[in-house]
C-alpha atoms as a PDB file:
ATOM      1  CA  UNK A   1      42.441 -13.172 128.489  1.00  0.00           C
ATOM      2  CA  UNK A   2      44.413 -16.075 129.869  1.00  0.00           C
ATOM      3  CA  UNK A   3      45.596 -15.758 133.507  1.00  0.00           C
ATOM      4  CA  UNK A   4      48.614 -17.798 134.526  1.00  0.00           C
ATOM      5  CA  UNK A   5      48.014 -19.888 137.612  1.00  0.00           C
ATOM      6  CA  UNK A   6      50.005 -18.999 140.648  1.00  0.00           C
ATOM      7  CA  UNK A   7      51.703 -22.441 140.782  1.00  0.00           C
ATOM      8  CA  UNK A   8      52.089 -24.601 137.697  1.00  0.00           C
ATOM      9  CA  UNK A   9      49.784 -27.625 137.922  1.00  0.00           C
ATOM     10  CA  UNK A  10      48.022 -26.381 141.112  1.00  0.00           C
ATOM     11  CA  UNK A  11      44.804 -24.641 140.668  1.00  0.00           C
ATOM     12  CA  UNK A  12      44.289 -21.316 142.498  1.00  0.00           C
ATOM     13  CA  UNK A  13      41.431 -22.861 144.518  1.00  0.00           C
ATOM     14  CA  UNK A  14      43.746 -25.653 145.715  1.00  0.00           C
ATOM     15  CA  UNK A  15      46.481 -23.128 146.565  1.00  0.00           C
ATOM     16  CA  UNK A  16      44.046 -21.029 148.601  1.00  0.00           C
ATOM     17  CA  UNK A  17      42.964 -24.080 150.517  1.00  0.00           C
ATOM     18  CA  UNK A  18      46.572 -25.027 151.232  1.00  0.00           C
ATOM     19  CA  UNK A  19      47.154 -21.486 152.479  1.00  0.00           C
ATOM     20  CA  UNK A  20      44.833 -22.129 155.368  1.00  0.00           C
ATOM     21  CA  UNK A  21      47.512 -24.229 157.029  1.00  0.00           C
ATOM     22  CA  UNK A  22      50.506 -22.702 155.136  1.00  0.00           C
ATOM     23  CA  UNK A  23      49.716 -18.971 155.138  1.00  0.00           C
ATOM     24  CA  UNK A  24      52.947 -18.126 153.262  1.00  0.00           C
ATOM     25  CA  UNK A  25      51.430 -19.692 150.080  1.00  0.00           C
ATOM     26  CA  UNK A  26      48.904 -16.800 149.938  1.00  0.00           C
ATOM     27  CA  UNK A  27      51.705 -14.584 148.720  1.00  0.00           C
ATOM     28  CA  UNK A  28      51.711 -16.445 145.457  1.00  0.00           C
ATOM     29  CA  UNK A  29      48.058 -15.456 144.828  1.00  0.00           C
ATOM     30  CA  UNK A  30      48.937 -11.920 145.681  1.00  0.00           C
ATOM     31  CA  UNK A  31      51.746 -11.922 143.177  1.00  0.00           C
ATOM     32  CA  UNK A  32      49.515 -13.449 140.534  1.00  0.00           C
ATOM     33  CA  UNK A  33      46.494 -11.074 140.791  1.00  0.00           C
ATOM     34  CA  UNK A  34      47.523  -7.858 142.555  1.00  0.00           C
ATOM     35  CA  UNK A  35      48.407  -6.090 139.274  1.00  0.00           C
ATOM     36  CA  UNK A  36      45.067  -6.604 137.637  1.00  0.00           C
ATOM     37  CA  UNK A  37      43.088  -5.872 140.762  1.00  0.00           C
ATOM     38  CA  UNK A  38      45.127  -2.572 141.063  1.00  0.00           C
ATOM     39  CA  UNK A  39      44.369  -1.678 137.471  1.00  0.00           C
ATOM     40  CA  UNK A  40      40.667  -2.426 137.900  1.00  0.00           C
ATOM     41  CA  UNK A  41      40.399  -0.067 140.919  1.00  0.00           C
ATOM     42  CA  UNK A  42      42.465   2.549 139.218  1.00  0.00           C
ATOM     43  CA  UNK A  43      40.234   2.383 136.199  1.00  0.00           C
ATOM     44  CA  UNK A  44      37.094   2.912 138.236  1.00  0.00           C
ATOM     45  CA  UNK A  45      38.448   5.349 140.815  1.00  0.00           C
ATOM     46  CA  UNK A  46      42.093   6.537 140.608  1.00  0.00           C
ATOM     47  CA  UNK A  47      45.661   5.295 141.149  1.00  0.00           C
ATOM     48  CA  UNK A  48      45.603   6.885 144.589  1.00  0.00           C
ATOM     49  CA  UNK A  49      42.638   4.731 145.608  1.00  0.00           C
ATOM     50  CA  UNK A  50      44.130   1.634 143.940  1.00  0.00           C
ATOM     51  CA  UNK A  51      47.132   1.560 146.216  1.00  0.00           C
ATOM     52  CA  UNK A  52      44.901   1.258 149.284  1.00  0.00           C
ATOM     53  CA  UNK A  53      42.033  -0.733 147.966  1.00  0.00           C
ATOM     54  CA  UNK A  54      44.063  -3.383 146.120  1.00  0.00           C
ATOM     55  CA  UNK A  55      45.964  -3.955 149.317  1.00  0.00           C
ATOM     56  CA  UNK A  56      42.703  -4.095 151.367  1.00  0.00           C
ATOM     57  CA  UNK A  57      41.245  -6.557 148.827  1.00  0.00           C
ATOM     58  CA  UNK A  58      43.973  -9.046 149.559  1.00  0.00           C
ATOM     59  CA  UNK A  59      43.922  -8.445 153.320  1.00  0.00           C
ATOM     60  CA  UNK A  60      40.206  -9.271 153.361  1.00  0.00           C
ATOM     61  CA  UNK A  61      40.782 -12.331 151.178  1.00  0.00           C
ATOM     62  CA  UNK A  62      43.623 -13.557 153.374  1.00  0.00           C
ATOM     63  CA  UNK A  63      41.488 -13.161 156.533  1.00  0.00           C
ATOM     64  CA  UNK A  64      38.550 -14.825 154.908  1.00  0.00           C
ATOM     65  CA  UNK A  65      40.311 -17.573 153.014  1.00  0.00           C
ATOM     66  CA  UNK A  66      38.846 -20.285 155.293  1.00  0.00           C
ATOM     67  CA  UNK A  67      35.381 -19.168 154.125  1.00  0.00           C
ATOM     68  CA  UNK A  68      36.067 -19.396 150.396  1.00  0.00           C
ATOM     69  CA  UNK A  69      33.457 -21.404 148.515  1.00  0.00           C
ATOM     70  CA  UNK A  70      35.736 -24.243 147.638  1.00  0.00           C
ATOM     71  CA  UNK A  71      34.847 -26.623 144.752  1.00  0.00           C
ATOM     72  CA  UNK A  72      33.521 -24.738 141.795  1.00  0.00           C
ATOM     73  CA  UNK A  73      34.718 -21.386 143.117  1.00  0.00           C
ATOM     74  CA  UNK A  74      37.057 -19.082 141.193  1.00  0.00           C
ATOM     75  CA  UNK A  75      39.654 -17.252 143.248  1.00  0.00           C
ATOM     76  CA  UNK A  76      40.020 -14.564 140.571  1.00  0.00           C
ATOM     77  CA  UNK A  77      36.261 -13.789 140.499  1.00  0.00           C
ATOM     78  CA  UNK A  78      36.176 -13.843 144.324  1.00  0.00           C
ATOM     79  CA  UNK A  79      38.969 -11.231 144.449  1.00  0.00           C
ATOM     80  CA  UNK A  80      37.118  -8.965 141.969  1.00  0.00           C
ATOM     81  CA  UNK A  81      33.962  -9.320 144.058  1.00  0.00           C
ATOM     82  CA  UNK A  82      35.826  -8.067 147.101  1.00  0.00           C
ATOM     83  CA  UNK A  83      37.403  -5.278 145.205  1.00  0.00           C
ATOM     84  CA  UNK A  84      33.997  -4.217 143.766  1.00  0.00           C
ATOM     85  CA  UNK A  85      32.411  -4.156 147.219  1.00  0.00           C
ATOM     86  CA  UNK A  86      35.222  -1.887 148.399  1.00  0.00           C
ATOM     87  CA  UNK A  87      34.717   0.423 145.357  1.00  0.00           C
ATOM     88  CA  UNK A  88      31.047   0.720 146.276  1.00  0.00           C
ATOM     89  CA  UNK A  89      32.095   2.484 149.512  1.00  0.00           C
ATOM     90  CA  UNK A  90      33.701   5.114 147.334  1.00  0.00           C
ATOM     91  CA  UNK A  91      30.788   5.634 144.869  1.00  0.00           C
ATOM     92  CA  UNK A  92      30.887   9.362 145.377  1.00  0.00           C
ATOM     93  CA  UNK A  93      34.535   9.449 144.253  1.00  0.00           C
ATOM     94  CA  UNK A  94      33.629   7.412 141.155  1.00  0.00           C
ATOM     95  CA  UNK A  95      30.792   9.773 140.294  1.00  0.00           C
ATOM     96  CA  UNK A  96      33.184  12.754 140.749  1.00  0.00           C
ATOM     97  CA  UNK A  97      35.561  11.023 138.304  1.00  0.00           C
ATOM     98  CA  UNK A  98      32.837  10.715 135.668  1.00  0.00           C
ATOM     99  CA  UNK A  99      31.817  14.345 136.191  1.00  0.00           C
ATOM    100  CA  UNK A 100      35.459  15.393 135.677  1.00  0.00           C
ATOM    101  CA  UNK A 101      35.732  13.243 132.548  1.00  0.00           C
ATOM    102  CA  UNK A 102      32.604  14.829 131.183  1.00  0.00           C
ATOM    103  CA  UNK A 103      34.282  18.209 131.373  1.00  0.00           C
ATOM    104  CA  UNK A 104      37.616  17.063 129.840  1.00  0.00           C
ATOM    105  CA  UNK A 105      38.540  17.351 126.194  1.00  0.00           C
ATOM    106  CA  UNK A 106      39.516  14.249 124.261  1.00  0.00           C
ATOM    107  CA  UNK A 107      43.077  15.754 123.684  1.00  0.00           C
ATOM    108  CA  UNK A 108      43.550  16.025 127.459  1.00  0.00           C
ATOM    109  CA  UNK A 109      42.620  12.333 127.927  1.00  0.00           C
ATOM    110  CA  UNK A 110      45.404  11.162 125.580  1.00  0.00           C
ATOM    111  CA  UNK A 111      48.259  13.194 127.033  1.00  0.00           C
ATOM    112  CA  UNK A 112      51.336  11.166 128.084  1.00  0.00           C
ATOM    113  CA  UNK A 113      51.514  10.543 131.800  1.00  0.00           C
ATOM    114  CA  UNK A 114      47.808  10.439 132.408  1.00  0.00           C
ATOM    115  CA  UNK A 115      47.218   8.310 135.525  1.00  0.00           C
ATOM    116  CA  UNK A 116      44.388   6.404 133.905  1.00  0.00           C
ATOM    117  CA  UNK A 117      46.377   5.104 130.961  1.00  0.00           C
ATOM    118  CA  UNK A 118      45.429   1.538 131.943  1.00  0.00           C
ATOM    119  CA  UNK A 119      41.683   2.368 131.595  1.00  0.00           C
ATOM    120  CA  UNK A 120      40.731   0.556 128.471  1.00  0.00           C
ATOM    121  CA  UNK A 121      37.220   2.014 128.352  1.00  0.00           C
ATOM    122  CA  UNK A 122      38.631   5.564 128.356  1.00  0.00           C
ATOM    123  CA  UNK A 123      41.267   4.648 125.777  1.00  0.00           C
ATOM    124  CA  UNK A 124      38.568   3.503 123.396  1.00  0.00           C
ATOM    125  CA  UNK A 125      36.493   6.552 124.191  1.00  0.00           C
ATOM    126  CA  UNK A 126      39.438   8.840 123.363  1.00  0.00           C
ATOM    127  CA  UNK A 127      39.711   7.117 120.029  1.00  0.00           C
ATOM    128  CA  UNK A 128      36.034   7.771 119.336  1.00  0.00           C
ATOM    129  CA  UNK A 129      36.202  11.366 120.689  1.00  0.00           C
ATOM    130  CA  UNK A 130      33.053  10.769 122.762  1.00  0.00           C
ATOM    131  CA  UNK A 131      34.362  10.437 126.357  1.00  0.00           C
ATOM    132  CA  UNK A 132      32.123  13.220 127.664  1.00  0.00           C
ATOM    133  CA  UNK A 133      28.915  11.377 126.676  1.00  0.00           C
ATOM    134  CA  UNK A 134      30.241   8.029 127.951  1.00  0.00           C
ATOM    135  CA  UNK A 135      31.206   9.495 131.319  1.00  0.00           C
ATOM    136  CA  UNK A 136      27.640  10.836 131.604  1.00  0.00           C
ATOM    137  CA  UNK A 137      26.218   7.562 130.577  1.00  0.00           C
ATOM    138  CA  UNK A 138      28.288   5.566 133.109  1.00  0.00           C
ATOM    139  CA  UNK A 139      27.307   8.014 135.871  1.00  0.00           C
ATOM    140  CA  UNK A 140      23.617   7.561 135.017  1.00  0.00           C
ATOM    141  CA  UNK A 141      23.729   3.770 135.420  1.00  0.00           C
ATOM    142  CA  UNK A 142      22.596   2.312 138.692  1.00  0.00           C
ATOM    143  CA  UNK A 143      25.445   0.737 140.647  1.00  0.00           C
ATOM    144  CA  UNK A 144      24.410  -2.805 139.943  1.00  0.00           C
ATOM    145  CA  UNK A 145      24.361  -2.326 136.183  1.00  0.00           C
ATOM    146  CA  UNK A 146      27.640  -0.291 136.304  1.00  0.00           C
ATOM    147  CA  UNK A 147      29.395  -3.041 138.258  1.00  0.00           C
ATOM    148  CA  UNK A 148      28.443  -5.681 135.710  1.00  0.00           C
ATOM    149  CA  UNK A 149      29.395  -3.554 132.750  1.00  0.00           C
ATOM    150  CA  UNK A 150      32.773  -2.597 134.133  1.00  0.00           C
ATOM    151  CA  UNK A 151      33.629  -6.089 135.338  1.00  0.00           C
ATOM    152  CA  UNK A 152      33.141  -7.215 131.752  1.00  0.00           C
ATOM    153  CA  UNK A 153      34.734  -4.253 130.041  1.00  0.00           C
ATOM    154  CA  UNK A 154      37.607  -3.438 132.450  1.00  0.00           C
ATOM    155  CA  UNK A 155      38.320  -6.761 134.162  1.00  0.00           C
ATOM    156  CA  UNK A 156      37.321  -8.850 131.266  1.00  0.00           C
ATOM    157  CA  UNK A 157      35.487 -11.370 133.423  1.00  0.00           C
ATOM    158  CA  UNK A 158      33.250 -13.993 131.836  1.00  0.00           C
ATOM    159  CA  UNK A 159      29.507 -14.116 132.646  1.00  0.00           C
ATOM    160  CA  UNK A 160      30.030 -16.973 135.177  1.00  0.00           C
ATOM    161  CA  UNK A 161      32.859 -15.033 136.846  1.00  0.00           C
ATOM    162  CA  UNK A 162      30.822 -11.898 137.116  1.00  0.00           C
ATOM    163  CA  UNK A 163      27.979 -13.862 138.589  1.00  0.00           C
ATOM    164  CA  UNK A 164      30.268 -15.350 141.210  1.00  0.00           C
ATOM    165  CA  UNK A 165      31.952 -12.034 141.938  1.00  0.00           C
ATOM    166  CA  UNK A 166      28.681 -10.290 142.650  1.00  0.00           C
ATOM    167  CA  UNK A 167      26.754 -13.267 144.017  1.00  0.00           C
ATOM    168  CA  UNK A 168      23.991 -13.051 141.399  1.00  0.00           C
ATOM    169  CA  UNK A 169      22.634 -15.500 138.790  1.00  0.00           C
ATOM    170  CA  UNK A 170      24.143 -15.578 135.318  1.00  0.00           C
ATOM    171  CA  UNK A 171      20.783 -14.544 133.916  1.00  0.00           C
ATOM    172  CA  UNK A 172      20.939 -11.407 135.984  1.00  0.00           C
ATOM    173  CA  UNK A 173      24.408 -10.705 134.709  1.00  0.00           C
ATOM    174  CA  UNK A 174      23.189 -10.968 131.109  1.00  0.00           C
ATOM    175  CA  UNK A 175      20.141  -8.663 131.771  1.00  0.00           C
ATOM    176  CA  UNK A 176      22.145  -6.043 133.651  1.00  0.00           C
ATOM    177  CA  UNK A 177      24.804  -5.996 130.957  1.00  0.00           C
ATOM    178  CA  UNK A 178      22.239  -5.746 128.213  1.00  0.00           C
ATOM    179  CA  UNK A 179      20.502  -2.835 130.027  1.00  0.00           C
ATOM    180  CA  UNK A 180      23.758  -1.034 130.675  1.00  0.00           C
ATOM    181  CA  UNK A 181      24.918  -1.350 127.138  1.00  0.00           C
ATOM    182  CA  UNK A 182      21.558  -0.220 125.834  1.00  0.00           C
ATOM    183  CA  UNK A 183      21.881   2.973 127.986  1.00  0.00           C
ATOM    184  CA  UNK A 184      25.444   3.566 126.734  1.00  0.00           C
ATOM    185  CA  UNK A 185      24.486   3.054 123.166  1.00  0.00           C
ATOM    186  CA  UNK A 186      21.615   5.494 123.474  1.00  0.00           C
ATOM    187  CA  UNK A 187      23.884   8.111 124.979  1.00  0.00           C
ATOM    188  CA  UNK A 188      26.442   7.643 122.187  1.00  0.00           C
ATOM    189  CA  UNK A 189      24.138   7.466 119.245  1.00  0.00           C
ATOM    190  CA  UNK A 190      24.518   3.724 118.786  1.00  0.00           C
ATOM    191  CA  UNK A 191      28.264   3.338 119.472  1.00  0.00           C
ATOM    192  CA  UNK A 192      29.459   1.022 122.277  1.00  0.00           C
ATOM    193  CA  UNK A 193      33.127   1.555 123.117  1.00  0.00           C
ATOM    194  CA  UNK A 194      32.823  -0.724 126.187  1.00  0.00           C
ATOM    195  CA  UNK A 195      32.364  -3.746 123.855  1.00  0.00           C
ATOM    196  CA  UNK A 196      35.020  -5.881 122.242  1.00  0.00           C
ATOM    197  CA  UNK A 197      33.124  -7.869 119.673  1.00  0.00           C
ATOM    198  CA  UNK A 198      36.126 -10.089 119.048  1.00  0.00           C
ATOM    199  CA  UNK A 199      35.589 -11.607 122.534  1.00  0.00           C
ATOM    200  CA  UNK A 200      31.778 -11.666 122.624  1.00  0.00           C
ATOM    201  CA  UNK A 201      31.541 -15.331 122.324  1.00  0.00           C
ATOM    202  CA  UNK A 202      34.274 -15.992 124.859  1.00  0.00           C
ATOM    203  CA  UNK A 203      32.547 -13.984 127.607  1.00  0.00           C
ATOM    204  CA  UNK A 204      29.765 -16.605 128.064  1.00  0.00           C
ATOM    205  CA  UNK A 205      32.307 -19.385 128.549  1.00  0.00           C
ATOM    206  CA  UNK A 206      34.295 -20.305 131.665  1.00  0.00           C
END
């Protein structure tokens, strides 16, 4: 998935650096990435959580912009890392969501107006008619494995971006993702609706 830079010709990292002395420039990063951060939080928790946590993600980023890694850093991955840390504080809400999904029929998950319409995982699951088992599988994952799986499946981050977002080596990303997908496949009898094979090769590239 291609993400348009906030200012043509000016990388996000340079824009963030400039915002240290010109704070108004940070609004352009907000405009560029708020929508996808909102959808990521809504997909993992709910739209109600997304309103607050997406806003908090950018507040934390704005206050911490002077500490951004600089050369070699990716603003998008950094923002997802902040959002993921905030989501971890609400892990009980996430687990309640999976319990609720496990009790919900496939027909209910595809009704118009569902507040999780942007959740690509659940959309795929509804198509397979196996959302109960997937919800249980996601709930059973440890938080580290779940974070990696959903950053790839929901946020469509590459391996290097996930590594930067979570502050872990790329090899750890690969091993956690493999372990998480193995658990999901086992729960679903071999199916893996969290995987888009058309992008498998792209995920390893920057």
